[in-house]
Structures are given as C-alpha cells and as structure tokens.
Amino acid sequence: MSDYLADVRKYAPNASEAAVNSIVKYCGIALRNADSSLVSASDPKELATVRDGFAAKKLGLSAEAAEAGIAKVLEKMKGVNHKGRVTFYYLLAEATGTLDKLG
C-alpha cells in the first residue's frame, strides 16, 4: 500500500492516504498483474476504458469532463513510460475536483 502512496506523492505531495487506499480497493485484483497495474497512455482503447470505467462509475464524470481530466494527467505524467494505474486514477480525481468521491 505504501508503494502506491509514495508513487502518488511524486506528483501530489499532500496526497490523501485514504483516497489512495480507496483506489487500490477499487482496482482490486487488477493490480496484481504487471500489465493491468499500468495505464497505457498510447492506447486509445485503454484511455476509453479509464474514461468509461473509473471516471464515469467511481467519479461520476461525463465523458467530456473525463477526457479533459485525462489530458491533464497525461500532461503531468509526460515522459513517464510506466504510468501506475493508482497514480493515474488519483491524479485524474485531483484534476477533476472529485477527490472527495474517493473517501
């Protein structure tokens, strides 16, 4: 758990441990697989999954708001080849002002 928090804090130094824990619980078993624990920013299908899954279901975002948030996260994590799913989701919630929905 602390590894996820440490990674998130590289981008958001005051990241909420409770919010990170909520994302880890949401992702569940997917985090056990190296491939599914990362977000492939170059794959449009992957970004659509983030938009239509986590952003819509957990954060309650419209497709447009999710797309705008994803663009902000991609800019913030530019140059990072292995974008951790937990970090990506946290930054998406932060960018869209929906951190309060994570507990």
PDB file of N, CA and C in Angstrom:
ATOM      1  N   MET A   1       0.830  -1.196   0.000  1.00  0.00           N
ATOM      2  CA  MET A   1       0.000   0.000   0.000  1.00  0.00           C
ATOM      3  C   MET A   1       0.870   1.254   0.000  1.00  0.00           C
ATOM      4  N   SER A   2       1.933   1.238   0.772  1.00  0.00           N
ATOM      5  CA  SER A   2       2.776   2.422   0.892  1.00  0.00           C
ATOM      6  C   SER A   2       3.499   2.734  -0.418  1.00  0.00           C
ATOM      7  N   ASP A   3       3.757   1.702  -1.246  1.00  0.00           N
ATOM      8  CA  ASP A   3       4.389   1.952  -2.542  1.00  0.00           C
ATOM      9  C   ASP A   3       3.490   2.802  -3.428  1.00  0.00           C
ATOM     10  N   TYR A   4       2.184   2.508  -3.401  1.00  0.00           N
ATOM     11  CA  TYR A   4       1.239   3.286  -4.196  1.00  0.00           C
ATOM     12  C   TYR A   4       1.207   4.732  -3.714  1.00  0.00           C
ATOM     13  N   LEU A   5       1.150   4.908  -2.423  1.00  0.00           N
ATOM     14  CA  LEU A   5       1.111   6.251  -1.850  1.00  0.00           C
ATOM     15  C   LEU A   5       2.387   7.019  -2.197  1.00  0.00           C
ATOM     16  N   ALA A   6       3.530   6.363  -2.095  1.00  0.00           N
ATOM     17  CA  ALA A   6       4.804   7.012  -2.419  1.00  0.00           C
ATOM     18  C   ALA A   6       4.836   7.446  -3.876  1.00  0.00           C
ATOM     19  N   ASP A   7       4.311   6.619  -4.772  1.00  0.00           N
ATOM     20  CA  ASP A   7       4.295   6.978  -6.195  1.00  0.00           C
ATOM     21  C   ASP A   7       3.365   8.162  -6.447  1.00  0.00           C
ATOM     22  N   VAL A   8       2.197   8.143  -5.832  1.00  0.00           N
ATOM     23  CA  VAL A   8       1.251   9.258  -5.998  1.00  0.00           C
ATOM     24  C   VAL A   8       1.881  10.549  -5.488  1.00  0.00           C
ATOM     25  N   ARG A   9       2.588  10.467  -4.376  1.00  0.00           N
ATOM     26  CA  ARG A   9       3.169  11.674  -3.764  1.00  0.00           C
ATOM     27  C   ARG A   9       4.317  12.270  -4.579  1.00  0.00           C
ATOM     28  N   LYS A  10       4.803  11.562  -5.586  1.00  0.00           N
ATOM     29  CA  LYS A  10       5.781  12.155  -6.507  1.00  0.00           C
ATOM     30  C   LYS A  10       5.134  13.302  -7.284  1.00  0.00           C
ATOM     31  N   TYR A  11       3.825  13.190  -7.503  1.00  0.00           N
ATOM     32  CA  TYR A  11       3.074  14.178  -8.284  1.00  0.00           C
ATOM     33  C   TYR A  11       2.174  15.050  -7.416  1.00  0.00           C
ATOM     34  N   ALA A  12       1.716  14.496  -6.317  1.00  0.00           N
ATOM     35  CA  ALA A  12       0.811  15.199  -5.406  1.00  0.00           C
ATOM     36  C   ALA A  12       1.341  14.995  -3.990  1.00  0.00           C
ATOM     37  N   PRO A  13       2.285  15.859  -3.557  1.00  0.00           N
ATOM     38  CA  PRO A  13       2.961  15.668  -2.265  1.00  0.00           C
ATOM     39  C   PRO A  13       2.037  15.524  -1.058  1.00  0.00           C
ATOM     40  N   ASN A  14       0.862  16.110  -1.112  1.00  0.00           N
ATOM     41  CA  ASN A  14      -0.065  16.036   0.019  1.00  0.00           C
ATOM     42  C   ASN A  14      -1.195  15.044  -0.230  1.00  0.00           C
ATOM     43  N   ALA A  15      -0.925  14.026  -1.028  1.00  0.00           N
ATOM     44  CA  ALA A  15      -1.953  13.051  -1.390  1.00  0.00           C
ATOM     45  C   ALA A  15      -2.573  12.402  -0.157  1.00  0.00           C
ATOM     46  N   SER A  16      -3.867  12.191  -0.250  1.00  0.00           N
ATOM     47  CA  SER A  16      -4.628  11.572   0.828  1.00  0.00           C
ATOM     48  C   SER A  16      -4.433  10.061   0.823  1.00  0.00           C
ATOM     49  N   GLU A  17      -3.976   9.540   1.951  1.00  0.00           N
ATOM     50  CA  GLU A  17      -3.791   8.096   2.068  1.00  0.00           C
ATOM     51  C   GLU A  17      -5.123   7.371   1.932  1.00  0.00           C
ATOM     52  N   ALA A  18      -6.181   7.942   2.471  1.00  0.00           N
ATOM     53  CA  ALA A  18      -7.500   7.316   2.383  1.00  0.00           C
ATOM     54  C   ALA A  18      -7.969   7.227   0.933  1.00  0.00           C
ATOM     55  N   ALA A  19      -7.717   8.274   0.153  1.00  0.00           N
ATOM     56  CA  ALA A  19      -8.112   8.267  -1.254  1.00  0.00           C
ATOM     57  C   ALA A  19      -7.309   7.222  -2.031  1.00  0.00           C
ATOM     58  N   VAL A  20      -6.020   7.138  -1.761  1.00  0.00           N
ATOM     59  CA  VAL A  20      -5.177   6.139  -2.423  1.00  0.00           C
ATOM     60  C   VAL A  20      -5.667   4.732  -2.068  1.00  0.00           C
ATOM     61  N   ASN A  21      -5.966   4.502  -0.812  1.00  0.00           N
ATOM     62  CA  ASN A  21      -6.474   3.198  -0.377  1.00  0.00           C
ATOM     63  C   ASN A  21      -7.787   2.859  -1.072  1.00  0.00           C
ATOM     64  N   SER A  22      -8.637   3.860  -1.256  1.00  0.00           N
ATOM     65  CA  SER A  22      -9.909   3.662  -1.941  1.00  0.00           C
ATOM     66  C   SER A  22      -9.689   3.222  -3.390  1.00  0.00           C
ATOM     67  N   ILE A  23      -8.719   3.820  -4.053  1.00  0.00           N
ATOM     68  CA  ILE A  23      -8.410   3.453  -5.442  1.00  0.00           C
ATOM     69  C   ILE A  23      -7.854   2.025  -5.490  1.00  0.00           C
ATOM     70  N   VAL A  24      -6.973   1.702  -4.558  1.00  0.00           N
ATOM     71  CA  VAL A  24      -6.401   0.355  -4.516  1.00  0.00           C
ATOM     72  C   VAL A  24      -7.521  -0.675  -4.342  1.00  0.00           C
ATOM     73  N   LYS A  25      -8.476  -0.396  -3.473  1.00  0.00           N
ATOM     74  CA  LYS A  25      -9.602  -1.312  -3.271  1.00  0.00           C
ATOM     75  C   LYS A  25     -10.457  -1.399  -4.529  1.00  0.00           C
ATOM     76  N   TYR A  26     -10.675  -0.263  -5.188  1.00  0.00           N
ATOM     77  CA  TYR A  26     -11.465  -0.237  -6.414  1.00  0.00           C
ATOM     78  C   TYR A  26     -10.804  -1.108  -7.498  1.00  0.00           C
ATOM     79  N   CYS A  27      -9.503  -0.988  -7.640  1.00  0.00           N
ATOM     80  CA  CYS A  27      -8.772  -1.736  -8.677  1.00  0.00           C
ATOM     81  C   CYS A  27      -8.659  -3.216  -8.343  1.00  0.00           C
ATOM     82  N   GLY A  28      -8.550  -3.518  -7.060  1.00  0.00           N
ATOM     83  CA  GLY A  28      -8.527  -4.898  -6.598  1.00  0.00           C
ATOM     84  C   GLY A  28      -7.473  -5.764  -7.247  1.00  0.00           C
ATOM     85  N   ILE A  29      -7.918  -6.897  -7.741  1.00  0.00           N
ATOM     86  CA  ILE A  29      -7.018  -7.923  -8.266  1.00  0.00           C
ATOM     87  C   ILE A  29      -6.250  -7.452  -9.510  1.00  0.00           C
ATOM     88  N   ALA A  30      -6.750  -6.461 -10.208  1.00  0.00           N
ATOM     89  CA  ALA A  30      -6.077  -5.952 -11.413  1.00  0.00           C
ATOM     90  C   ALA A  30      -4.662  -5.466 -11.100  1.00  0.00           C
ATOM     91  N   LEU A  31      -4.438  -5.030  -9.880  1.00  0.00           N
ATOM     92  CA  LEU A  31      -3.119  -4.515  -9.517  1.00  0.00           C
ATOM     93  C   LEU A  31      -2.076  -5.618  -9.350  1.00  0.00           C
ATOM     94  N   ARG A  32      -2.508  -6.855  -9.303  1.00  0.00           N
ATOM     95  CA  ARG A  32      -1.574  -7.976  -9.136  1.00  0.00           C
ATOM     96  C   ARG A  32      -0.845  -8.298 -10.440  1.00  0.00           C
ATOM     97  N   ASN A  33      -1.442  -7.946 -11.549  1.00  0.00           N
ATOM     98  CA  ASN A  33      -0.857  -8.213 -12.857  1.00  0.00           C
ATOM     99  C   ASN A  33      -0.071  -6.987 -13.297  1.00  0.00           C
ATOM    100  N   ALA A  34       1.182  -7.169 -13.654  1.00  0.00           N
ATOM    101  CA  ALA A  34       2.037  -6.030 -14.021  1.00  0.00           C
ATOM    102  C   ALA A  34       1.435  -5.210 -15.150  1.00  0.00           C
ATOM    103  N   ASP A  35       0.855  -5.874 -16.147  1.00  0.00           N
ATOM    104  CA  ASP A  35       0.298  -5.156 -17.291  1.00  0.00           C
ATOM    105  C   ASP A  35      -0.933  -4.332 -16.909  1.00  0.00           C
ATOM    106  N   SER A  36      -1.845  -4.928 -16.169  1.00  0.00           N
ATOM    107  CA  SER A  36      -3.073  -4.211 -15.823  1.00  0.00           C
ATOM    108  C   SER A  36      -2.883  -3.212 -14.681  1.00  0.00           C
ATOM    109  N   SER A  37      -1.722  -3.240 -14.035  1.00  0.00           N
ATOM    110  CA  SER A  37      -1.458  -2.259 -12.977  1.00  0.00           C
ATOM    111  C   SER A  37      -0.951  -0.939 -13.564  1.00  0.00           C
ATOM    112  N   LEU A  38      -0.753  -0.925 -14.886  1.00  0.00           N
ATOM    113  CA  LEU A  38      -0.279   0.280 -15.575  1.00  0.00           C
ATOM    114  C   LEU A  38      -1.336   0.779 -16.551  1.00  0.00           C
ATOM    115  N   VAL A  39      -1.298   2.072 -16.837  1.00  0.00           N
ATOM    116  CA  VAL A  39      -2.183   2.671 -17.834  1.00  0.00           C
ATOM    117  C   VAL A  39      -1.343   2.923 -19.082  1.00  0.00           C
ATOM    118  N   SER A  40      -1.789   2.365 -20.196  1.00  0.00           N
ATOM    119  CA  SER A  40      -1.098   2.570 -21.466  1.00  0.00           C
ATOM    120  C   SER A  40      -1.659   3.828 -22.121  1.00  0.00           C
ATOM    121  N   ALA A  41      -0.944   4.930 -21.971  1.00  0.00           N
ATOM    122  CA  ALA A  41      -1.420   6.221 -22.469  1.00  0.00           C
ATOM    123  C   ALA A  41      -1.453   6.295 -23.988  1.00  0.00           C
ATOM    124  N   SER A  42      -0.727   5.418 -24.662  1.00  0.00           N
ATOM    125  CA  SER A  42      -0.687   5.448 -26.127  1.00  0.00           C
ATOM    126  C   SER A  42      -1.788   4.594 -26.752  1.00  0.00           C
ATOM    127  N   ASP A  43      -2.568   3.918 -25.932  1.00  0.00           N
ATOM    128  CA  ASP A  43      -3.628   3.042 -26.425  1.00  0.00           C
ATOM    129  C   ASP A  43      -4.996   3.701 -26.228  1.00  0.00           C
ATOM    130  N   PRO A  44      -5.627   4.131 -27.326  1.00  0.00           N
ATOM    131  CA  PRO A  44      -6.938   4.789 -27.208  1.00  0.00           C
ATOM    132  C   PRO A  44      -7.986   3.926 -26.499  1.00  0.00           C
ATOM    133  N   LYS A  45      -7.924   2.600 -26.685  1.00  0.00           N
ATOM    134  CA  LYS A  45      -8.884   1.702 -26.019  1.00  0.00           C
ATOM    135  C   LYS A  45      -8.692   1.741 -24.503  1.00  0.00           C
ATOM    136  N   GLU A  46      -7.434   1.802 -24.076  1.00  0.00           N
ATOM    137  CA  GLU A  46      -7.132   1.864 -22.642  1.00  0.00           C
ATOM    138  C   GLU A  46      -7.676   3.156 -22.039  1.00  0.00           C
ATOM    139  N   LEU A  47      -7.468   4.265 -22.729  1.00  0.00           N
ATOM    140  CA  LEU A  47      -7.949   5.557 -22.217  1.00  0.00           C
ATOM    141  C   LEU A  47      -9.473   5.598 -22.217  1.00  0.00           C
ATOM    142  N   ALA A  48     -10.102   4.938 -23.190  1.00  0.00           N
ATOM    143  CA  ALA A  48     -11.567   4.854 -23.204  1.00  0.00           C
ATOM    144  C   ALA A  48     -12.057   4.034 -22.018  1.00  0.00           C
ATOM    145  N   THR A  49     -11.304   2.999 -21.665  1.00  0.00           N
ATOM    146  CA  THR A  49     -11.653   2.182 -20.501  1.00  0.00           C
ATOM    147  C   THR A  49     -11.561   3.008 -19.217  1.00  0.00           C
ATOM    148  N   VAL A  50     -10.529   3.832 -19.113  1.00  0.00           N
ATOM    149  CA  VAL A  50     -10.390   4.716 -17.945  1.00  0.00           C
ATOM    150  C   VAL A  50     -11.570   5.684 -17.904  1.00  0.00           C
ATOM    151  N   ARG A  51     -11.886   6.266 -19.056  1.00  0.00           N
ATOM    152  CA  ARG A  51     -12.984   7.244 -19.145  1.00  0.00           C
ATOM    153  C   ARG A  51     -14.321   6.613 -18.788  1.00  0.00           C
ATOM    154  N   ASP A  52     -14.608   5.450 -19.396  1.00  0.00           N
ATOM    155  CA  ASP A  52     -15.922   4.832 -19.230  1.00  0.00           C
ATOM    156  C   ASP A  52     -16.037   3.990 -17.965  1.00  0.00           C
ATOM    157  N   GLY A  53     -14.897   3.624 -17.389  1.00  0.00           N
ATOM    158  CA  GLY A  53     -14.911   2.826 -16.162  1.00  0.00           C
ATOM    159  C   GLY A  53     -14.745   3.704 -14.940  1.00  0.00           C
ATOM    160  N   PHE A  54     -13.517   3.888 -14.525  1.00  0.00           N
ATOM    161  CA  PHE A  54     -13.229   4.625 -13.293  1.00  0.00           C
ATOM    162  C   PHE A  54     -13.813   6.040 -13.295  1.00  0.00           C
ATOM    163  N   ALA A  55     -13.573   6.787 -14.361  1.00  0.00           N
ATOM    164  CA  ALA A  55     -14.017   8.190 -14.397  1.00  0.00           C
ATOM    165  C   ALA A  55     -15.537   8.307 -14.325  1.00  0.00           C
ATOM    166  N   ALA A  56     -16.234   7.464 -15.067  1.00  0.00           N
ATOM    167  CA  ALA A  56     -17.699   7.535 -15.091  1.00  0.00           C
ATOM    168  C   ALA A  56     -18.325   6.882 -13.860  1.00  0.00           C
ATOM    169  N   LYS A  57     -17.867   5.671 -13.540  1.00  0.00           N
ATOM    170  CA  LYS A  57     -18.516   4.905 -12.477  1.00  0.00           C
ATOM    171  C   LYS A  57     -18.131   5.345 -11.071  1.00  0.00           C
ATOM    172  N   LYS A  58     -16.852   5.578 -10.850  1.00  0.00           N
ATOM    173  CA  LYS A  58     -16.391   5.921  -9.497  1.00  0.00           C
ATOM    174  C   LYS A  58     -16.451   7.428  -9.241  1.00  0.00           C
ATOM    175  N   LEU A  59     -16.066   8.215 -10.264  1.00  0.00           N
ATOM    176  CA  LEU A  59     -16.009   9.668 -10.069  1.00  0.00           C
ATOM    177  C   LEU A  59     -17.268  10.388 -10.556  1.00  0.00           C
ATOM    178  N   GLY A  60     -18.104   9.703 -11.320  1.00  0.00           N
ATOM    179  CA  GLY A  60     -19.345  10.298 -11.803  1.00  0.00           C
ATOM    180  C   GLY A  60     -19.131  11.383 -12.849  1.00  0.00           C
ATOM    181  N   LEU A  61     -18.070  11.265 -13.626  1.00  0.00           N
ATOM    182  CA  LEU A  61     -17.744  12.290 -14.621  1.00  0.00           C
ATOM    183  C   LEU A  61     -18.427  12.018 -15.954  1.00  0.00           C
ATOM    184  N   SER A  62     -18.774  13.099 -16.644  1.00  0.00           N
ATOM    185  CA  SER A  62     -19.256  12.969 -18.019  1.00  0.00           C
ATOM    186  C   SER A  62     -18.056  12.605 -18.882  1.00  0.00           C
ATOM    187  N   ALA A  63     -18.314  12.130 -20.083  1.00  0.00           N
ATOM    188  CA  ALA A  63     -17.222  11.757 -20.994  1.00  0.00           C
ATOM    189  C   ALA A  63     -16.318  12.955 -21.269  1.00  0.00           C
ATOM    190  N   GLU A  64     -16.915  14.135 -21.433  1.00  0.00           N
ATOM    191  CA  GLU A  64     -16.145  15.345 -21.735  1.00  0.00           C
ATOM    192  C   GLU A  64     -15.242  15.735 -20.563  1.00  0.00           C
ATOM    193  N   ALA A  65     -15.794  15.704 -19.363  1.00  0.00           N
ATOM    194  CA  ALA A  65     -15.007  16.054 -18.171  1.00  0.00           C
ATOM    195  C   ALA A  65     -13.886  15.034 -17.961  1.00  0.00           C
ATOM    196  N   ALA A  66     -14.193  13.766 -18.212  1.00  0.00           N
ATOM    197  CA  ALA A  66     -13.186  12.718 -18.067  1.00  0.00           C
ATOM    198  C   ALA A  66     -12.064  12.910 -19.078  1.00  0.00           C
ATOM    199  N   GLU A  67     -12.416  13.210 -20.317  1.00  0.00           N
ATOM    200  CA  GLU A  67     -11.411  13.424 -21.372  1.00  0.00           C
ATOM    201  C   GLU A  67     -10.493  14.593 -21.000  1.00  0.00           C
ATOM    202  N   ALA A  68     -11.082  15.672 -20.496  1.00  0.00           N
ATOM    203  CA  ALA A  68     -10.292  16.845 -20.108  1.00  0.00           C
ATOM    204  C   ALA A  68      -9.359  16.492 -18.950  1.00  0.00           C
ATOM    205  N   GLY A  69      -9.861  15.743 -17.993  1.00  0.00           N
ATOM    206  CA  GLY A  69      -9.048  15.321 -16.854  1.00  0.00           C
ATOM    207  C   GLY A  69      -7.922  14.392 -17.273  1.00  0.00           C
ATOM    208  N   ILE A  70      -8.224  13.460 -18.158  1.00  0.00           N
ATOM    209  CA  ILE A  70      -7.210  12.527 -18.656  1.00  0.00           C
ATOM    210  C   ILE A  70      -6.106  13.296 -19.370  1.00  0.00           C
ATOM    211  N   ALA A  71      -6.479  14.304 -20.151  1.00  0.00           N
ATOM    212  CA  ALA A  71      -5.478  15.122 -20.856  1.00  0.00           C
ATOM    213  C   ALA A  71      -4.551  15.819 -19.859  1.00  0.00           C
ATOM    214  N   LYS A  72      -5.110  16.305 -18.756  1.00  0.00           N
ATOM    215  CA  LYS A  72      -4.289  16.963 -17.727  1.00  0.00           C
ATOM    216  C   LYS A  72      -3.320  15.973 -17.079  1.00  0.00           C
ATOM    217  N   VAL A  73      -3.801  14.766 -16.817  1.00  0.00           N
ATOM    218  CA  VAL A  73      -2.955  13.746 -16.195  1.00  0.00           C
ATOM    219  C   VAL A  73      -1.835  13.343 -17.161  1.00  0.00           C
ATOM    220  N   LEU A  74      -2.178  13.180 -18.422  1.00  0.00           N
ATOM    221  CA  LEU A  74      -1.169  12.808 -19.418  1.00  0.00           C
ATOM    222  C   LEU A  74      -0.085  13.874 -19.505  1.00  0.00           C
ATOM    223  N   GLU A  75      -0.484  15.128 -19.410  1.00  0.00           N
ATOM    224  CA  GLU A  75       0.495  16.220 -19.445  1.00  0.00           C
ATOM    225  C   GLU A  75       1.385  16.176 -18.199  1.00  0.00           C
ATOM    226  N   LYS A  76       0.768  15.937 -17.051  1.00  0.00           N
ATOM    227  CA  LYS A  76       1.509  15.906 -15.781  1.00  0.00           C
ATOM    228  C   LYS A  76       2.492  14.736 -15.728  1.00  0.00           C
ATOM    229  N   MET A  77       2.113  13.616 -16.337  1.00  0.00           N
ATOM    230  CA  MET A  77       2.951  12.418 -16.296  1.00  0.00           C
ATOM    231  C   MET A  77       3.770  12.232 -17.582  1.00  0.00           C
ATOM    232  N   LYS A  78       3.827  13.275 -18.372  1.00  0.00           N
ATOM    233  CA  LYS A  78       4.572  13.230 -19.632  1.00  0.00           C
ATOM    234  C   LYS A  78       6.008  12.764 -19.367  1.00  0.00           C
ATOM    235  N   GLY A  79       6.489  11.858 -20.206  1.00  0.00           N
ATOM    236  CA  GLY A  79       7.849  11.361 -20.044  1.00  0.00           C
ATOM    237  C   GLY A  79       7.964  10.148 -19.141  1.00  0.00           C
ATOM    238  N   VAL A  80       6.869   9.780 -18.485  1.00  0.00           N
ATOM    239  CA  VAL A  80       6.871   8.593 -17.621  1.00  0.00           C
ATOM    240  C   VAL A  80       6.356   7.425 -18.459  1.00  0.00           C
ATOM    241  N   ASN A  81       7.217   6.437 -18.672  1.00  0.00           N
ATOM    242  CA  ASN A  81       6.831   5.311 -19.521  1.00  0.00           C
ATOM    243  C   ASN A  81       5.872   4.344 -18.831  1.00  0.00           C
ATOM    244  N   HIS A  82       6.029   4.153 -17.547  1.00  0.00           N
ATOM    245  CA  HIS A  82       5.180   3.223 -16.810  1.00  0.00           C
ATOM    246  C   HIS A  82       4.280   4.008 -15.865  1.00  0.00           C
ATOM    247  N   LYS A  83       3.098   4.337 -16.353  1.00  0.00           N
ATOM    248  CA  LYS A  83       2.143   5.124 -15.569  1.00  0.00           C
ATOM    249  C   LYS A  83       1.325   4.189 -14.690  1.00  0.00           C
ATOM    250  N   GLY A  84       1.587   4.232 -13.396  1.00  0.00           N
ATOM    251  CA  GLY A  84       0.862   3.377 -12.462  1.00  0.00           C
ATOM    252  C   GLY A  84      -0.623   3.719 -12.451  1.00  0.00           C
ATOM    253  N   ARG A  85      -1.460   2.691 -12.467  1.00  0.00           N
ATOM    254  CA  ARG A  85      -2.911   2.890 -12.511  1.00  0.00           C
ATOM    255  C   ARG A  85      -3.408   3.670 -11.294  1.00  0.00           C
ATOM    256  N   VAL A  86      -2.917   3.333 -10.111  1.00  0.00           N
ATOM    257  CA  VAL A  86      -3.371   4.019  -8.898  1.00  0.00           C
ATOM    258  C   VAL A  86      -2.999   5.500  -8.974  1.00  0.00           C
ATOM    259  N   THR A  87      -1.789   5.788  -9.377  1.00  0.00           N
ATOM    260  CA  THR A  87      -1.340   7.179  -9.504  1.00  0.00           C
ATOM    261  C   THR A  87      -2.151   7.905 -10.556  1.00  0.00           C
ATOM    262  N   PHE A  88      -2.357   7.272 -11.698  1.00  0.00           N
ATOM    263  CA  PHE A  88      -3.127   7.873 -12.789  1.00  0.00           C
ATOM    264  C   PHE A  88      -4.533   8.205 -12.311  1.00  0.00           C
ATOM    265  N   TYR A  89      -5.181   7.270 -11.634  1.00  0.00           N
ATOM    266  CA  TYR A  89      -6.548   7.493 -11.150  1.00  0.00           C
ATOM    267  C   TYR A  89      -6.592   8.606 -10.102  1.00  0.00           C
ATOM    268  N   TYR A  90      -5.616   8.621  -9.211  1.00  0.00           N
ATOM    269  CA  TYR A  90      -5.587   9.669  -8.189  1.00  0.00           C
ATOM    270  C   TYR A  90      -5.456  11.044  -8.854  1.00  0.00           C
ATOM    271  N   LEU A  91      -4.528  11.158  -9.788  1.00  0.00           N
ATOM    272  CA  LEU A  91      -4.314  12.440 -10.462  1.00  0.00           C
ATOM    273  C   LEU A  91      -5.531  12.839 -11.282  1.00  0.00           C
ATOM    274  N   LEU A  92      -6.245  11.864 -11.818  1.00  0.00           N
ATOM    275  CA  LEU A  92      -7.478  12.158 -12.556  1.00  0.00           C
ATOM    276  C   LEU A  92      -8.527  12.739 -11.610  1.00  0.00           C
ATOM    277  N   ALA A  93      -8.670  12.140 -10.446  1.00  0.00           N
ATOM    278  CA  ALA A  93      -9.627  12.654  -9.462  1.00  0.00           C
ATOM    279  C   ALA A  93      -9.225  14.052  -9.008  1.00  0.00           C
ATOM    280  N   GLU A  94      -7.935  14.250  -8.802  1.00  0.00           N
ATOM    281  CA  GLU A  94      -7.434  15.560  -8.387  1.00  0.00           C
ATOM    282  C   GLU A  94      -7.686  16.611  -9.478  1.00  0.00           C
ATOM    283  N   ALA A  95      -7.407  16.252 -10.720  1.00  0.00           N
ATOM    284  CA  ALA A  95      -7.555  17.187 -11.846  1.00  0.00           C
ATOM    285  C   ALA A  95      -9.011  17.576 -12.100  1.00  0.00           C
ATOM    286  N   THR A  96      -9.915  16.700 -11.724  1.00  0.00           N
ATOM    287  CA  THR A  96     -11.343  16.962 -11.983  1.00  0.00           C
ATOM    288  C   THR A  96     -12.097  17.402 -10.728  1.00  0.00           C
ATOM    289  N   GLY A  97     -11.372  17.589  -9.638  1.00  0.00           N
ATOM    290  CA  GLY A  97     -12.011  18.069  -8.405  1.00  0.00           C
ATOM    291  C   GLY A  97     -12.950  17.058  -7.770  1.00  0.00           C
ATOM    292  N   THR A  98     -12.675  15.777  -7.967  1.00  0.00           N
ATOM    293  CA  THR A  98     -13.561  14.733  -7.438  1.00  0.00           C
ATOM    294  C   THR A  98     -12.886  13.849  -6.379  1.00  0.00           C
ATOM    295  N   LEU A  99     -11.827  14.325  -5.770  1.00  0.00           N
ATOM    296  CA  LEU A  99     -11.150  13.532  -4.740  1.00  0.00           C
ATOM    297  C   LEU A  99     -12.089  13.152  -3.600  1.00  0.00           C
ATOM    298  N   ASP A 100     -13.059  14.000  -3.317  1.00  0.00           N
ATOM    299  CA  ASP A 100     -13.997  13.735  -2.229  1.00  0.00           C
ATOM    300  C   ASP A 100     -14.820  12.464  -2.470  1.00  0.00           C
ATOM    301  N   LYS A 101     -14.907  12.008  -3.699  1.00  0.00           N
ATOM    302  CA  LYS A 101     -15.671  10.790  -4.012  1.00  0.00           C
ATOM    303  C   LYS A 101     -14.876   9.525  -3.705  1.00  0.00           C
ATOM    304  N   LEU A 102     -13.620   9.689  -3.303  1.00  0.00           N
ATOM    305  CA  LEU A 102     -12.769   8.538  -3.032  1.00  0.00           C
ATOM    306  C   LEU A 102     -12.686   8.188  -1.551  1.00  0.00           C
ATOM    307  N   GLY A 103     -13.381   8.930  -0.733  1.00  0.00           N
ATOM    308  CA  GLY A 103     -13.383   8.601   0.692  1.00  0.00           C
ATOM    309  C   GLY A 103     -12.427   9.319   1.481  1.00  0.00           C
TER     310      GLY A 103
END
